[in-house]
Amino acid sequence: MTDTRQDFLHDLNTALGIPDARRKVVGKVLLAWWQSEGGATKGLPRAGWETDFNPFNTTLRVQGHSHDQPGNTVPVQVYDSRGVGLAATAETLSLPRYAPIIKAMKRKGVKARTIANRIIESDWGTAPHPFLDVLDDINRGLWDSYARIPVYRQT
């Protein structure tokens, strides 16, 4: 059985404590970020090279539950389960150096582009493009094109 990106992002919003009223805006940003990072998508970039359960290509090592992605010079992790990947992603985003991102996600009235800019300004390494281009696509109504992409799910 597989999840979609939307399923995973719903659970990530919960793990991050994103208020219900903010989830639509935050979901758009997270989806665009995921697409631009290219992590945790079944068969992409190609079978065997996926960063399983790691949509934003985090580098947090989880002893006994992760390993470095083959062929990547940055120690992006491949997690062994959905739960481990979800927890590692939430833990990474909760680090103090990412506080401006979480603050923007939770603050009422902050627009998607502002949250995206906090991500771009961080040391995460996400480039403005294609991130902002994908966010524009999603804002134009292409949510399903990005959100319904299947991802791995632990059976």
N, C-alpha and C. Protein backbone atom coordinates (compact mmCIF):
# COMPACT_ATOMS: atom_id res chain seq x y z
N MET A 1 0.85 -1.19 0.00
CA MET A 1 0.00 0.00 0.00
C MET A 1 0.89 1.25 0.00
N THR A 2 0.50 2.25 -0.76
CA THR A 2 1.29 3.48 -0.82
C THR A 2 0.49 4.67 -0.31
N ASP A 3 1.22 5.60 0.22
CA ASP A 3 0.70 6.91 0.59
C ASP A 3 0.83 7.82 -0.61
N THR A 4 0.16 8.95 -0.54
CA THR A 4 0.47 10.05 -1.45
C THR A 4 1.24 11.08 -0.66
N ARG A 5 1.79 12.03 -1.36
CA ARG A 5 2.47 13.12 -0.66
C ARG A 5 1.52 13.82 0.31
N GLN A 6 0.28 13.98 -0.12
CA GLN A 6 -0.71 14.67 0.71
C GLN A 6 -0.88 13.95 2.05
N ASP A 7 -0.93 12.63 2.04
CA ASP A 7 -1.08 11.87 3.28
C ASP A 7 0.09 12.14 4.23
N PHE A 8 1.30 12.07 3.70
CA PHE A 8 2.49 12.29 4.52
C PHE A 8 2.50 13.71 5.07
N LEU A 9 2.17 14.70 4.24
CA LEU A 9 2.20 16.10 4.67
C LEU A 9 1.17 16.38 5.75
N HIS A 10 0.03 15.73 5.68
CA HIS A 10 -0.98 15.87 6.74
C HIS A 10 -0.37 15.46 8.08
N ASP A 11 0.30 14.32 8.09
CA ASP A 11 0.90 13.83 9.33
C ASP A 11 2.07 14.71 9.78
N LEU A 12 2.81 15.26 8.83
CA LEU A 12 3.92 16.16 9.19
C LEU A 12 3.37 17.45 9.82
N ASN A 13 2.31 18.00 9.26
CA ASN A 13 1.69 19.18 9.85
C ASN A 13 1.27 18.91 11.30
N THR A 14 0.73 17.73 11.55
CA THR A 14 0.34 17.35 12.91
C THR A 14 1.57 17.27 13.80
N ALA A 15 2.63 16.62 13.31
CA ALA A 15 3.85 16.48 14.11
C ALA A 15 4.49 17.83 14.43
N LEU A 16 4.36 18.78 13.54
CA LEU A 16 4.94 20.11 13.75
C LEU A 16 4.02 21.04 14.55
N GLY A 17 2.79 20.58 14.82
CA GLY A 17 1.86 21.40 15.58
C GLY A 17 1.29 22.56 14.79
N ILE A 18 1.15 22.40 13.49
CA ILE A 18 0.61 23.46 12.65
C ILE A 18 -0.90 23.54 12.89
N PRO A 19 -1.40 24.72 13.26
CA PRO A 19 -2.85 24.86 13.52
C PRO A 19 -3.68 24.55 12.27
N ASP A 20 -4.85 24.02 12.48
CA ASP A 20 -5.73 23.65 11.37
C ASP A 20 -5.94 24.81 10.39
N ALA A 21 -6.10 26.01 10.91
CA ALA A 21 -6.35 27.18 10.07
C ALA A 21 -5.16 27.51 9.15
N ARG A 22 -3.97 27.01 9.45
CA ARG A 22 -2.77 27.30 8.67
C ARG A 22 -2.39 26.18 7.71
N ARG A 23 -3.04 25.04 7.81
CA ARG A 23 -2.58 23.85 7.08
C ARG A 23 -2.69 23.96 5.56
N LYS A 24 -3.65 24.68 5.05
CA LYS A 24 -3.76 24.82 3.60
C LYS A 24 -2.57 25.60 3.05
N VAL A 25 -2.24 26.71 3.67
CA VAL A 25 -1.10 27.52 3.23
C VAL A 25 0.20 26.75 3.42
N VAL A 26 0.38 26.18 4.61
CA VAL A 26 1.61 25.44 4.91
C VAL A 26 1.73 24.22 4.00
N GLY A 27 0.62 23.55 3.75
CA GLY A 27 0.64 22.39 2.86
C GLY A 27 1.15 22.74 1.47
N LYS A 28 0.74 23.87 0.94
CA LYS A 28 1.21 24.31 -0.38
C LYS A 28 2.73 24.48 -0.39
N VAL A 29 3.23 25.13 0.66
CA VAL A 29 4.67 25.37 0.74
C VAL A 29 5.42 24.05 0.87
N LEU A 30 4.96 23.19 1.77
CA LEU A 30 5.63 21.91 1.97
C LEU A 30 5.63 21.07 0.71
N LEU A 31 4.53 21.10 -0.01
CA LEU A 31 4.44 20.33 -1.25
C LEU A 31 5.41 20.87 -2.30
N ALA A 32 5.48 22.18 -2.43
CA ALA A 32 6.43 22.78 -3.39
C ALA A 32 7.87 22.49 -2.98
N TRP A 33 8.12 22.53 -1.69
CA TRP A 33 9.46 22.25 -1.17
C TRP A 33 9.84 20.81 -1.46
N TRP A 34 8.92 19.90 -1.20
CA TRP A 34 9.15 18.48 -1.46
C TRP A 34 9.49 18.26 -2.94
N GLN A 35 8.69 18.86 -3.82
CA GLN A 35 8.92 18.69 -5.25
C GLN A 35 10.29 19.23 -5.65
N SER A 36 10.68 20.36 -5.09
CA SER A 36 11.96 20.95 -5.47
C SER A 36 13.14 20.18 -4.89
N GLU A 37 12.96 19.57 -3.72
CA GLU A 37 14.01 18.74 -3.12
C GLU A 37 14.07 17.36 -3.77
N GLY A 38 12.92 16.87 -4.21
CA GLY A 38 12.88 15.59 -4.93
C GLY A 38 13.05 14.35 -4.09
N GLY A 39 12.87 14.44 -2.80
CA GLY A 39 13.07 13.27 -1.95
C GLY A 39 11.83 12.41 -1.80
N ALA A 40 12.05 11.16 -1.38
CA ALA A 40 11.00 10.23 -0.96
C ALA A 40 9.86 10.05 -1.95
N THR A 41 10.16 9.98 -3.19
CA THR A 41 9.12 9.74 -4.19
C THR A 41 9.44 8.44 -4.91
N LYS A 42 8.50 7.54 -4.90
CA LYS A 42 8.71 6.20 -5.45
C LYS A 42 9.25 6.26 -6.89
N GLY A 43 10.41 5.63 -7.07
CA GLY A 43 10.99 5.55 -8.41
C GLY A 43 11.74 6.78 -8.87
N LEU A 44 11.79 7.83 -8.08
CA LEU A 44 12.47 9.05 -8.47
C LEU A 44 13.58 9.36 -7.48
N PRO A 45 14.75 9.76 -7.87
CA PRO A 45 15.13 10.02 -9.25
C PRO A 45 15.19 8.76 -10.10
N ARG A 46 15.49 7.62 -9.48
CA ARG A 46 15.33 6.34 -10.15
C ARG A 46 15.32 5.26 -9.07
N ALA A 47 14.77 4.14 -9.41
CA ALA A 47 14.64 3.05 -8.44
C ALA A 47 15.99 2.73 -7.82
N GLY A 48 16.01 2.63 -6.50
CA GLY A 48 17.22 2.33 -5.76
C GLY A 48 17.95 3.56 -5.26
N TRP A 49 17.59 4.72 -5.74
CA TRP A 49 18.26 5.96 -5.35
C TRP A 49 17.33 6.89 -4.56
N GLU A 50 16.13 6.43 -4.27
CA GLU A 50 15.18 7.26 -3.55
C GLU A 50 15.67 7.52 -2.13
N THR A 51 15.28 8.66 -1.58
CA THR A 51 15.55 8.92 -0.18
C THR A 51 14.28 8.55 0.58
N ASP A 52 14.09 7.25 0.75
CA ASP A 52 12.86 6.73 1.33
C ASP A 52 12.47 7.47 2.61
N PHE A 53 11.21 7.88 2.64
CA PHE A 53 10.61 8.51 3.81
C PHE A 53 11.32 9.79 4.23
N ASN A 54 11.97 10.46 3.30
CA ASN A 54 12.72 11.68 3.59
C ASN A 54 12.45 12.72 2.51
N PRO A 55 11.25 13.33 2.53
CA PRO A 55 10.85 14.21 1.43
C PRO A 55 11.70 15.44 1.22
N PHE A 56 12.30 15.97 2.29
CA PHE A 56 13.05 17.21 2.18
C PHE A 56 14.56 16.97 2.23
N ASN A 57 14.94 15.69 2.11
CA ASN A 57 16.35 15.30 2.06
C ASN A 57 17.13 15.75 3.29
N THR A 58 16.59 15.46 4.46
CA THR A 58 17.28 15.80 5.69
C THR A 58 18.53 14.94 5.86
N THR A 59 19.42 15.40 6.70
CA THR A 59 20.67 14.69 6.95
C THR A 59 20.75 14.12 8.36
N LEU A 60 19.65 14.16 9.10
CA LEU A 60 19.65 13.65 10.47
C LEU A 60 19.79 12.13 10.46
N ARG A 61 20.88 11.67 11.04
CA ARG A 61 21.10 10.22 11.13
C ARG A 61 20.31 9.67 12.32
N VAL A 62 19.66 8.54 12.11
CA VAL A 62 18.92 7.86 13.15
C VAL A 62 19.55 6.48 13.30
N GLN A 63 20.30 6.31 14.38
CA GLN A 63 21.07 5.09 14.60
C GLN A 63 20.21 3.85 14.41
N GLY A 64 20.66 2.98 13.51
CA GLY A 64 19.96 1.73 13.24
C GLY A 64 18.74 1.85 12.36
N HIS A 65 18.40 3.07 11.96
CA HIS A 65 17.19 3.26 11.16
C HIS A 65 17.39 4.12 9.92
N SER A 66 18.66 4.48 9.63
CA SER A 66 18.91 5.26 8.43
C SER A 66 20.31 4.97 7.92
N HIS A 67 20.52 5.31 6.65
CA HIS A 67 21.85 5.24 6.05
C HIS A 67 21.95 6.32 4.99
N ASP A 68 23.18 6.67 4.63
CA ASP A 68 23.41 7.70 3.62
C ASP A 68 22.85 7.25 2.28
N GLN A 69 22.27 8.20 1.55
CA GLN A 69 21.77 7.92 0.20
C GLN A 69 22.96 7.61 -0.70
N PRO A 70 22.91 6.52 -1.45
CA PRO A 70 24.02 6.19 -2.35
C PRO A 70 24.27 7.31 -3.36
N GLY A 71 25.53 7.62 -3.60
CA GLY A 71 25.90 8.56 -4.64
C GLY A 71 25.70 10.02 -4.31
N ASN A 72 25.30 10.35 -3.10
CA ASN A 72 25.06 11.73 -2.73
C ASN A 72 26.23 12.22 -1.87
N THR A 73 26.84 13.34 -2.24
CA THR A 73 27.97 13.85 -1.48
C THR A 73 27.53 14.47 -0.15
N VAL A 74 26.28 14.90 -0.07
CA VAL A 74 25.71 15.38 1.18
C VAL A 74 25.13 14.15 1.87
N PRO A 75 25.29 14.01 3.18
CA PRO A 75 24.79 12.79 3.82
C PRO A 75 23.27 12.75 4.01
N VAL A 76 22.54 12.93 2.89
CA VAL A 76 21.08 12.81 2.93
C VAL A 76 20.76 11.38 3.35
N GLN A 77 19.78 11.25 4.22
CA GLN A 77 19.47 9.95 4.80
C GLN A 77 18.34 9.23 4.10
N VAL A 78 18.43 7.91 4.09
CA VAL A 78 17.37 7.02 3.65
C VAL A 78 16.87 6.36 4.92
N TYR A 79 15.62 6.62 5.28
CA TYR A 79 15.04 6.08 6.51
C TYR A 79 14.35 4.76 6.23
N ASP A 80 14.32 3.91 7.25
CA ASP A 80 13.79 2.56 7.04
C ASP A 80 12.29 2.43 7.25
N SER A 81 11.62 3.50 7.67
CA SER A 81 10.17 3.43 7.83
C SER A 81 9.57 4.83 7.74
N ARG A 82 8.30 4.85 7.48
CA ARG A 82 7.56 6.11 7.40
C ARG A 82 7.64 6.84 8.74
N GLY A 83 7.43 6.12 9.83
CA GLY A 83 7.45 6.74 11.16
C GLY A 83 8.79 7.36 11.50
N VAL A 84 9.87 6.67 11.17
CA VAL A 84 11.21 7.20 11.43
C VAL A 84 11.44 8.45 10.59
N GLY A 85 11.09 8.39 9.31
CA GLY A 85 11.27 9.55 8.43
C GLY A 85 10.44 10.75 8.85
N LEU A 86 9.21 10.49 9.25
CA LEU A 86 8.34 11.56 9.71
C LEU A 86 8.91 12.21 10.97
N ALA A 87 9.32 11.40 11.92
CA ALA A 87 9.89 11.92 13.17
C ALA A 87 11.20 12.66 12.92
N ALA A 88 12.05 12.12 12.05
CA ALA A 88 13.33 12.78 11.75
C ALA A 88 13.11 14.13 11.05
N THR A 89 12.14 14.18 10.16
CA THR A 89 11.84 15.44 9.48
C THR A 89 11.32 16.48 10.47
N ALA A 90 10.38 16.07 11.33
CA ALA A 90 9.84 16.99 12.32
C ALA A 90 10.93 17.44 13.30
N GLU A 91 11.79 16.50 13.72
CA GLU A 91 12.87 16.85 14.64
C GLU A 91 13.85 17.84 14.00
N THR A 92 14.18 17.60 12.75
CA THR A 92 15.10 18.51 12.06
C THR A 92 14.50 19.90 11.93
N LEU A 93 13.25 19.98 11.52
CA LEU A 93 12.61 21.29 11.36
C LEU A 93 12.41 22.00 12.70
N SER A 94 12.45 21.26 13.79
CA SER A 94 12.28 21.85 15.12
C SER A 94 13.58 22.35 15.73
N LEU A 95 14.70 22.17 15.01
CA LEU A 95 15.97 22.68 15.50
C LEU A 95 15.92 24.21 15.57
N PRO A 96 16.59 24.82 16.53
CA PRO A 96 16.54 26.28 16.68
C PRO A 96 16.88 27.05 15.41
N ARG A 97 17.80 26.54 14.62
CA ARG A 97 18.17 27.30 13.42
C ARG A 97 17.06 27.37 12.38
N TYR A 98 16.04 26.52 12.52
CA TYR A 98 14.89 26.56 11.61
C TYR A 98 13.66 27.20 12.24
N ALA A 99 13.84 27.82 13.40
CA ALA A 99 12.72 28.48 14.09
C ALA A 99 12.01 29.52 13.21
N PRO A 100 12.72 30.31 12.39
CA PRO A 100 12.00 31.26 11.55
C PRO A 100 11.02 30.59 10.58
N ILE A 101 11.34 29.39 10.14
CA ILE A 101 10.44 28.66 9.24
C ILE A 101 9.19 28.25 10.00
N ILE A 102 9.37 27.62 11.15
CA ILE A 102 8.22 27.15 11.94
C ILE A 102 7.37 28.32 12.41
N LYS A 103 8.02 29.39 12.82
CA LYS A 103 7.28 30.59 13.25
C LYS A 103 6.41 31.12 12.11
N ALA A 104 6.96 31.19 10.91
CA ALA A 104 6.18 31.67 9.76
C ALA A 104 5.04 30.71 9.43
N MET A 105 5.29 29.42 9.57
CA MET A 105 4.23 28.44 9.31
C MET A 105 3.05 28.60 10.27
N LYS A 106 3.34 28.89 11.50
CA LYS A 106 2.30 28.94 12.54
C LYS A 106 1.62 30.30 12.67
N ARG A 107 2.27 31.35 12.20
CA ARG A 107 1.74 32.70 12.41
C ARG A 107 0.58 33.01 11.47
N LYS A 108 -0.51 33.41 12.04
CA LYS A 108 -1.71 33.77 11.29
C LYS A 108 -1.40 34.88 10.28
N GLY A 109 -1.88 34.70 9.06
CA GLY A 109 -1.75 35.73 8.04
C GLY A 109 -0.47 35.68 7.21
N VAL A 110 0.50 34.87 7.60
CA VAL A 110 1.74 34.78 6.83
C VAL A 110 1.46 34.00 5.55
N LYS A 111 1.83 34.58 4.44
CA LYS A 111 1.55 33.98 3.13
C LYS A 111 2.57 32.90 2.77
N ALA A 112 2.18 32.06 1.83
CA ALA A 112 3.00 30.93 1.39
C ALA A 112 4.38 31.38 0.91
N ARG A 113 4.42 32.44 0.14
CA ARG A 113 5.70 32.91 -0.40
C ARG A 113 6.64 33.36 0.72
N THR A 114 6.11 33.94 1.76
CA THR A 114 6.94 34.35 2.90
C THR A 114 7.54 33.13 3.59
N ILE A 115 6.73 32.09 3.78
CA ILE A 115 7.25 30.86 4.38
C ILE A 115 8.33 30.28 3.47
N ALA A 116 8.07 30.25 2.18
CA ALA A 116 9.07 29.74 1.23
C ALA A 116 10.37 30.54 1.33
N ASN A 117 10.26 31.84 1.47
CA ASN A 117 11.46 32.66 1.60
C ASN A 117 12.23 32.35 2.88
N ARG A 118 11.54 32.03 3.97
CA ARG A 118 12.24 31.64 5.20
C ARG A 118 13.03 30.34 4.96
N ILE A 119 12.47 29.43 4.19
CA ILE A 119 13.16 28.18 3.87
C ILE A 119 14.39 28.48 3.01
N ILE A 120 14.22 29.29 1.99
CA ILE A 120 15.32 29.64 1.08
C ILE A 120 16.43 30.36 1.84
N GLU A 121 16.08 31.22 2.79
CA GLU A 121 17.06 31.98 3.57
C GLU A 121 17.81 31.12 4.59
N SER A 122 17.28 29.95 4.90
CA SER A 122 17.91 29.08 5.90
C SER A 122 19.13 28.39 5.31
N ASP A 123 19.82 27.63 6.16
CA ASP A 123 20.98 26.88 5.69
C ASP A 123 20.61 25.53 5.09
N TRP A 124 19.32 25.30 4.84
CA TRP A 124 18.87 24.03 4.29
C TRP A 124 19.49 23.75 2.93
N GLY A 125 19.62 24.78 2.12
CA GLY A 125 20.23 24.61 0.82
C GLY A 125 19.25 24.52 -0.34
N THR A 126 17.98 24.79 -0.07
CA THR A 126 16.96 24.75 -1.12
C THR A 126 17.08 26.00 -1.99
N ALA A 127 17.21 25.79 -3.29
CA ALA A 127 17.33 26.91 -4.23
C ALA A 127 15.95 27.54 -4.49
N PRO A 128 15.92 28.83 -4.79
CA PRO A 128 14.65 29.49 -5.08
C PRO A 128 13.89 28.87 -6.25
N HIS A 129 14.65 28.40 -7.23
CA HIS A 129 14.00 27.78 -8.39
C HIS A 129 14.54 26.37 -8.51
N PRO A 130 13.68 25.38 -8.59
CA PRO A 130 12.28 25.43 -8.99
C PRO A 130 11.28 25.63 -7.86
N PHE A 131 11.73 25.78 -6.61
CA PHE A 131 10.84 25.88 -5.46
C PHE A 131 9.71 26.89 -5.70
N LEU A 132 10.05 28.13 -6.00
CA LEU A 132 9.03 29.16 -6.17
C LEU A 132 8.18 28.93 -7.41
N ASP A 133 8.77 28.34 -8.45
CA ASP A 133 7.99 28.02 -9.65
C ASP A 133 6.91 26.98 -9.34
N VAL A 134 7.28 25.97 -8.58
CA VAL A 134 6.31 24.93 -8.21
C VAL A 134 5.24 25.52 -7.31
N LEU A 135 5.63 26.37 -6.37
CA LEU A 135 4.65 27.03 -5.51
C LEU A 135 3.66 27.83 -6.35
N ASP A 136 4.14 28.53 -7.35
CA ASP A 136 3.25 29.25 -8.26
C ASP A 136 2.30 28.29 -8.98
N ASP A 137 2.81 27.14 -9.43
CA ASP A 137 1.95 26.13 -10.06
C ASP A 137 0.83 25.69 -9.12
N ILE A 138 1.20 25.40 -7.89
CA ILE A 138 0.22 24.94 -6.90
C ILE A 138 -0.81 26.02 -6.63
N ASN A 139 -0.36 27.26 -6.52
CA ASN A 139 -1.29 28.37 -6.30
C ASN A 139 -2.21 28.60 -7.50
N ARG A 140 -1.79 28.15 -8.68
CA ARG A 140 -2.64 28.25 -9.89
C ARG A 140 -3.60 27.07 -10.01
N GLY A 141 -3.59 26.19 -9.03
CA GLY A 141 -4.57 25.10 -9.05
C GLY A 141 -4.02 23.73 -9.41
N LEU A 142 -2.71 23.57 -9.42
CA LEU A 142 -2.14 22.28 -9.79
C LEU A 142 -1.80 21.41 -8.57
N TRP A 143 -2.51 21.60 -7.47
CA TRP A 143 -2.27 20.83 -6.25
C TRP A 143 -2.23 19.34 -6.53
N ASP A 144 -3.26 18.82 -7.19
CA ASP A 144 -3.34 17.37 -7.41
C ASP A 144 -2.18 16.82 -8.23
N SER A 145 -1.67 17.61 -9.15
CA SER A 145 -0.55 17.16 -9.98
C SER A 145 0.68 16.83 -9.15
N TYR A 146 0.84 17.51 -8.04
CA TYR A 146 1.99 17.29 -7.16
C TYR A 146 1.63 16.46 -5.93
N ALA A 147 0.42 16.64 -5.40
CA ALA A 147 0.04 16.01 -4.13
C ALA A 147 -0.32 14.54 -4.26
N ARG A 148 -0.75 14.11 -5.42
CA ARG A 148 -1.23 12.74 -5.58
C ARG A 148 -0.12 11.78 -6.01
N ILE A 149 1.11 12.23 -6.04
CA ILE A 149 2.22 11.39 -6.41
C ILE A 149 2.42 10.34 -5.31
N PRO A 150 2.53 9.07 -5.68
CA PRO A 150 2.69 8.03 -4.66
C PRO A 150 4.08 8.07 -4.03
N VAL A 151 4.11 7.76 -2.74
CA VAL A 151 5.36 7.65 -2.00
C VAL A 151 5.33 6.32 -1.24
N TYR A 152 6.47 5.90 -0.78
CA TYR A 152 6.53 4.64 -0.06
C TYR A 152 5.80 4.71 1.26
N ARG A 153 5.22 3.62 1.62
CA ARG A 153 4.60 3.49 2.92
C ARG A 153 4.97 2.14 3.50
N GLN A 154 5.28 2.16 4.74
CA GLN A 154 5.61 0.90 5.41
C GLN A 154 4.40 -0.01 5.44
N THR A 155 4.60 -1.28 5.13
CA THR A 155 3.48 -2.23 5.14
C THR A 155 3.41 -2.97 6.46
